Amino acid sequence: MSVNVDFEIARPGDDSYVEPAWKLKERIRSEEDVLKQRKGFFTDAYRRSTVHLLVTREAHSGGESDEKLMGFAAVRRDGYILFLAVSPEFRGEGVGKRLVGQVAENHDSVTCHARASNQNALGFYEHLGFEVERHIENYYEDGGDAYYLKLGGNGGLTQKISDFMRG
């Protein structure tokens, strides 16, 4: 039995992996009370985005294999991350950093919103070099506040992530 980790990209209009991505997002929502988007909104945004995915493929004897979605980042053309989700069993293994690194490789500017109460996400983004640009009250449908974040603008942090991706 061997396990491979592959990067996949779903271009706008390609809804491959939309169901596994939805299931991962919903699992995180139910366990952590974040990523609360409705299915129609999520599916529409996914289909309009470029989605970077990390997938494990475990080959078994007999030729069949199991695929598991480790995480994904759905990104607009301007480098805005709509969704970033990492499966809990793969957290701490650099999956989120690799996904953001892929986005940074392909965009001059990388931005996102994070729920003000989501300390895990805020800590993660801060660790990667994102800076809070502004606080937005009642940003989310449920009235939750958000921070608008931008990856450090001096190029150094973007370069660091880019270097990590190549290393």
C-alpha atoms as a PDB file:
ATOM      1  CA  MET A   1       0.000   0.000   0.000  1.00  0.00           C
ATOM      2  CA  SER A   2       1.344   3.438  -0.945  1.00  0.00           C
ATOM      3  CA  VAL A   3       0.047   6.929  -0.281  1.00  0.00           C
ATOM      4  CA  ASN A   4       0.575   9.815  -2.696  1.00  0.00           C
ATOM      5  CA  VAL A   5      -0.275  13.456  -2.065  1.00  0.00           C
ATOM      6  CA  ASP A   6      -1.262  15.371  -5.181  1.00  0.00           C
ATOM      7  CA  PHE A   7      -2.123  18.978  -5.935  1.00  0.00           C
ATOM      8  CA  GLU A   8      -5.240  19.337  -8.068  1.00  0.00           C
ATOM      9  CA  ILE A   9      -6.692  22.505  -9.551  1.00  0.00           C
ATOM     10  CA  ALA A  10     -10.368  22.941 -10.391  1.00  0.00           C
ATOM     11  CA  ARG A  11     -10.625  25.894 -12.772  1.00  0.00           C
ATOM     12  CA  PRO A  12     -13.739  28.109 -12.921  1.00  0.00           C
ATOM     13  CA  GLY A  13     -16.646  26.064 -14.232  1.00  0.00           C
ATOM     14  CA  ASP A  14     -15.086  22.778 -13.088  1.00  0.00           C
ATOM     15  CA  ASP A  15     -17.057  21.367 -10.194  1.00  0.00           C
ATOM     16  CA  SER A  16     -14.924  18.268  -9.669  1.00  0.00           C
ATOM     17  CA  TYR A  17     -14.383  17.821  -5.925  1.00  0.00           C
ATOM     18  CA  VAL A  18     -17.291  20.167  -5.112  1.00  0.00           C
ATOM     19  CA  GLU A  19     -19.083  17.437  -3.115  1.00  0.00           C
ATOM     20  CA  PRO A  20     -16.019  16.351  -1.086  1.00  0.00           C
ATOM     21  CA  ALA A  21     -15.222  20.052  -0.490  1.00  0.00           C
ATOM     22  CA  TRP A  22     -18.803  20.686   0.681  1.00  0.00           C
ATOM     23  CA  LYS A  23     -18.666  17.652   2.997  1.00  0.00           C
ATOM     24  CA  LEU A  24     -15.354  18.809   4.491  1.00  0.00           C
ATOM     25  CA  LYS A  25     -16.703  22.347   4.980  1.00  0.00           C
ATOM     26  CA  GLU A  26     -19.857  21.000   6.635  1.00  0.00           C
ATOM     27  CA  ARG A  27     -17.852  18.712   8.916  1.00  0.00           C
ATOM     28  CA  ILE A  28     -15.772  21.686  10.055  1.00  0.00           C
ATOM     29  CA  ARG A  29     -18.945  23.785  10.479  1.00  0.00           C
ATOM     30  CA  SER A  30     -20.578  21.165  12.694  1.00  0.00           C
ATOM     31  CA  GLU A  31     -17.447  20.604  14.809  1.00  0.00           C
ATOM     32  CA  GLU A  32     -16.139  24.186  15.056  1.00  0.00           C
ATOM     33  CA  ASP A  33     -19.127  26.456  14.274  1.00  0.00           C
ATOM     34  CA  VAL A  34     -17.328  28.229  11.393  1.00  0.00           C
ATOM     35  CA  LEU A  35     -17.718  28.098   7.577  1.00  0.00           C
ATOM     36  CA  LYS A  36     -21.472  28.564   7.830  1.00  0.00           C
ATOM     37  CA  GLN A  37     -22.284  29.207   4.172  1.00  0.00           C
ATOM     38  CA  ARG A  38     -25.388  27.631   2.637  1.00  0.00           C
ATOM     39  CA  LYS A  39     -24.918  24.992  -0.051  1.00  0.00           C
ATOM     40  CA  GLY A  40     -26.167  27.100  -2.963  1.00  0.00           C
ATOM     41  CA  PHE A  41     -23.831  29.965  -2.093  1.00  0.00           C
ATOM     42  CA  PHE A  42     -20.897  27.606  -1.545  1.00  0.00           C
ATOM     43  CA  THR A  43     -21.449  25.645  -4.768  1.00  0.00           C
ATOM     44  CA  ASP A  44     -21.873  28.791  -6.852  1.00  0.00           C
ATOM     45  CA  ALA A  45     -18.747  30.414  -5.387  1.00  0.00           C
ATOM     46  CA  TYR A  46     -16.781  27.164  -5.840  1.00  0.00           C
ATOM     47  CA  ARG A  47     -17.732  26.939  -9.510  1.00  0.00           C
ATOM     48  CA  ARG A  48     -16.702  30.562 -10.135  1.00  0.00           C
ATOM     49  CA  SER A  49     -13.333  30.150  -8.387  1.00  0.00           C
ATOM     50  CA  THR A  50     -10.021  28.521  -9.049  1.00  0.00           C
ATOM     51  CA  VAL A  51      -9.835  25.848  -6.365  1.00  0.00           C
ATOM     52  CA  HIS A  52      -6.491  24.508  -5.191  1.00  0.00           C
ATOM     53  CA  LEU A  53      -6.840  21.071  -3.609  1.00  0.00           C
ATOM     54  CA  LEU A  54      -4.518  18.672  -1.820  1.00  0.00           C
ATOM     55  CA  VAL A  55      -5.663  15.076  -2.204  1.00  0.00           C
ATOM     56  CA  THR A  56      -4.219  11.837  -0.835  1.00  0.00           C
ATOM     57  CA  ARG A  57      -4.436   8.739  -2.963  1.00  0.00           C
ATOM     58  CA  GLU A  58      -3.895   5.459  -1.183  1.00  0.00           C
ATOM     59  CA  ALA A  59      -3.258   2.550  -3.540  1.00  0.00           C
ATOM     60  CA  HIS A  60      -4.365  -0.910  -2.429  1.00  0.00           C
ATOM     61  CA  SER A  61      -3.468  -4.276  -3.788  1.00  0.00           C
ATOM     62  CA  GLY A  62      -5.851  -5.166  -6.568  1.00  0.00           C
ATOM     63  CA  GLY A  63      -5.556  -1.780  -8.242  1.00  0.00           C
ATOM     64  CA  GLU A  64      -8.253   0.183  -6.395  1.00  0.00           C
ATOM     65  CA  SER A  65      -7.395   3.334  -4.506  1.00  0.00           C
ATOM     66  CA  ASP A  66      -8.973   5.627  -1.934  1.00  0.00           C
ATOM     67  CA  GLU A  67      -8.996   9.401  -2.361  1.00  0.00           C
ATOM     68  CA  LYS A  68      -9.232  11.761   0.572  1.00  0.00           C
ATOM     69  CA  LEU A  69      -9.457  15.555   0.409  1.00  0.00           C
ATOM     70  CA  MET A  70      -6.839  16.996   2.773  1.00  0.00           C
ATOM     71  CA  GLY A  71      -7.848  20.597   2.181  1.00  0.00           C
ATOM     72  CA  PHE A  72      -8.778  23.216  -0.382  1.00  0.00           C
ATOM     73  CA  ALA A  73      -8.560  26.935  -1.097  1.00  0.00           C
ATOM     74  CA  ALA A  74     -11.137  28.534  -3.403  1.00  0.00           C
ATOM     75  CA  VAL A  75      -9.762  31.761  -4.871  1.00  0.00           C
ATOM     76  CA  ARG A  76     -11.115  34.584  -7.021  1.00  0.00           C
ATOM     77  CA  ARG A  77      -9.128  36.004  -9.937  1.00  0.00           C
ATOM     78  CA  ASP A  78      -7.931  38.897  -7.745  1.00  0.00           C
ATOM     79  CA  GLY A  79      -6.302  36.580  -5.166  1.00  0.00           C
ATOM     80  CA  TYR A  80      -9.124  36.803  -2.631  1.00  0.00           C
ATOM     81  CA  ILE A  81      -9.504  33.491  -0.761  1.00  0.00           C
ATOM     82  CA  LEU A  82     -13.224  32.720  -0.538  1.00  0.00           C
ATOM     83  CA  PHE A  83     -12.824  29.449   1.360  1.00  0.00           C
ATOM     84  CA  LEU A  84      -9.880  27.741   3.004  1.00  0.00           C
ATOM     85  CA  ALA A  85     -10.508  24.456   4.754  1.00  0.00           C
ATOM     86  CA  VAL A  86      -8.132  21.790   6.053  1.00  0.00           C
ATOM     87  CA  SER A  87      -9.375  18.428   7.257  1.00  0.00           C
ATOM     88  CA  PRO A  88      -8.795  18.197  11.038  1.00  0.00           C
ATOM     89  CA  GLU A  89      -6.717  15.020  10.723  1.00  0.00           C
ATOM     90  CA  PHE A  90      -4.215  16.841   8.486  1.00  0.00           C
ATOM     91  CA  ARG A  91      -3.855  20.041  10.502  1.00  0.00           C
ATOM     92  CA  GLY A  92      -0.367  20.872  11.677  1.00  0.00           C
ATOM     93  CA  GLU A  93       1.156  19.170   8.621  1.00  0.00           C
ATOM     94  CA  GLY A  94       1.562  22.288   6.477  1.00  0.00           C
ATOM     95  CA  VAL A  95      -1.535  21.692   4.330  1.00  0.00           C
ATOM     96  CA  GLY A  96      -2.982  25.178   4.833  1.00  0.00           C
ATOM     97  CA  LYS A  97       0.424  26.780   4.311  1.00  0.00           C
ATOM     98  CA  ARG A  98       0.903  24.839   1.063  1.00  0.00           C
ATOM     99  CA  LEU A  99      -2.541  25.884  -0.181  1.00  0.00           C
ATOM    100  CA  VAL A 100      -1.953  29.557   0.632  1.00  0.00           C
ATOM    101  CA  GLY A 101       1.485  29.199  -0.957  1.00  0.00           C
ATOM    102  CA  GLN A 102      -0.154  28.018  -4.177  1.00  0.00           C
ATOM    103  CA  VAL A 103      -2.409  31.076  -4.121  1.00  0.00           C
ATOM    104  CA  ALA A 104       0.592  33.381  -3.446  1.00  0.00           C
ATOM    105  CA  GLU A 105       2.471  31.798  -6.373  1.00  0.00           C
ATOM    106  CA  ASN A 106      -0.338  32.780  -8.735  1.00  0.00           C
ATOM    107  CA  HIS A 107      -1.408  36.213  -7.434  1.00  0.00           C
ATOM    108  CA  ASP A 108       0.295  39.516  -6.684  1.00  0.00           C
ATOM    109  CA  SER A 109      -2.031  40.116  -3.748  1.00  0.00           C
ATOM    110  CA  VAL A 110      -3.622  37.569  -1.392  1.00  0.00           C
ATOM    111  CA  THR A 111      -6.540  38.632   0.808  1.00  0.00           C
ATOM    112  CA  CYS A 112      -9.379  37.035   2.783  1.00  0.00           C
ATOM    113  CA  HIS A 113     -11.887  37.555   5.554  1.00  0.00           C
ATOM    114  CA  ALA A 114     -11.771  35.635   8.823  1.00  0.00           C
ATOM    115  CA  ARG A 115     -14.451  35.490  11.477  1.00  0.00           C
ATOM    116  CA  ALA A 116     -13.364  37.722  14.367  1.00  0.00           C
ATOM    117  CA  SER A 117     -14.147  34.934  16.853  1.00  0.00           C
ATOM    118  CA  ASN A 118     -12.178  32.271  14.934  1.00  0.00           C
ATOM    119  CA  GLN A 119      -8.920  32.351  16.874  1.00  0.00           C
ATOM    120  CA  ASN A 120      -7.546  29.292  15.044  1.00  0.00           C
ATOM    121  CA  ALA A 121      -7.939  30.957  11.643  1.00  0.00           C
ATOM    122  CA  LEU A 122      -6.628  34.317  12.847  1.00  0.00           C
ATOM    123  CA  GLY A 123      -3.572  32.669  14.412  1.00  0.00           C
ATOM    124  CA  PHE A 124      -2.940  30.670  11.246  1.00  0.00           C
ATOM    125  CA  TYR A 125      -3.147  33.703   8.967  1.00  0.00           C
ATOM    126  CA  GLU A 126      -1.009  35.811  11.318  1.00  0.00           C
ATOM    127  CA  HIS A 127       1.632  33.052  11.382  1.00  0.00           C
ATOM    128  CA  LEU A 128       1.788  33.159   7.576  1.00  0.00           C
ATOM    129  CA  GLY A 129       2.279  36.921   7.582  1.00  0.00           C
ATOM    130  CA  PHE A 130      -1.241  38.214   6.956  1.00  0.00           C
ATOM    131  CA  GLU A 131      -2.030  41.586   8.477  1.00  0.00           C
ATOM    132  CA  VAL A 132      -5.404  42.912   9.601  1.00  0.00           C
ATOM    133  CA  GLU A 133      -6.464  45.663   7.226  1.00  0.00           C
ATOM    134  CA  ARG A 134      -9.801  46.379   8.884  1.00  0.00           C
ATOM    135  CA  HIS A 135     -12.513  45.119  11.236  1.00  0.00           C
ATOM    136  CA  ILE A 136     -15.996  44.755   9.754  1.00  0.00           C
ATOM    137  CA  GLU A 137     -19.022  44.553  12.015  1.00  0.00           C
ATOM    138  CA  ASN A 138     -21.950  42.297  11.069  1.00  0.00           C
ATOM    139  CA  TYR A 139     -20.063  40.921   8.062  1.00  0.00           C
ATOM    140  CA  TYR A 140     -21.536  37.439   8.224  1.00  0.00           C
ATOM    141  CA  GLU A 141     -25.149  36.490   7.642  1.00  0.00           C
ATOM    142  CA  ASP A 142     -25.511  35.520  11.314  1.00  0.00           C
ATOM    143  CA  GLY A 143     -24.279  38.964  12.433  1.00  0.00           C
ATOM    144  CA  GLY A 144     -20.712  37.857  13.197  1.00  0.00           C
ATOM    145  CA  ASP A 145     -17.833  40.292  12.775  1.00  0.00           C
ATOM    146  CA  ALA A 146     -14.890  39.703  10.452  1.00  0.00           C
ATOM    147  CA  TYR A 147     -11.373  40.893   9.860  1.00  0.00           C
ATOM    148  CA  TYR A 148     -10.210  41.659   6.346  1.00  0.00           C
ATOM    149  CA  LEU A 149      -6.686  40.300   6.055  1.00  0.00           C
ATOM    150  CA  LYS A 150      -3.922  40.809   3.509  1.00  0.00           C
ATOM    151  CA  LEU A 151      -0.711  38.878   3.075  1.00  0.00           C
ATOM    152  CA  GLY A 152       2.195  41.145   4.007  1.00  0.00           C
ATOM    153  CA  GLY A 153       2.665  43.662   1.251  1.00  0.00           C
ATOM    154  CA  ASN A 154       6.446  44.030   1.342  1.00  0.00           C
ATOM    155  CA  GLY A 155       6.999  40.959  -0.824  1.00  0.00           C
ATOM    156  CA  GLY A 156       9.185  39.318   1.800  1.00  0.00           C
ATOM    157  CA  LEU A 157       6.439  37.210   3.329  1.00  0.00           C
ATOM    158  CA  THR A 158       4.959  36.302  -0.023  1.00  0.00           C
ATOM    159  CA  GLN A 159       8.483  35.333  -1.092  1.00  0.00           C
ATOM    160  CA  LYS A 160       8.882  33.236   2.065  1.00  0.00           C
ATOM    161  CA  ILE A 161       5.731  31.261   1.267  1.00  0.00           C
ATOM    162  CA  SER A 162       6.830  30.949  -2.345  1.00  0.00           C
ATOM    163  CA  ASP A 163      10.229  29.649  -1.206  1.00  0.00           C
ATOM    164  CA  PHE A 164       8.484  27.172   1.093  1.00  0.00           C
ATOM    165  CA  MET A 165       6.494  25.863  -1.848  1.00  0.00           C
ATOM    166  CA  ARG A 166       9.633  25.168  -3.864  1.00  0.00           C
ATOM    167  CA  GLY A 167      11.577  23.720  -0.912  1.00  0.00           C
END
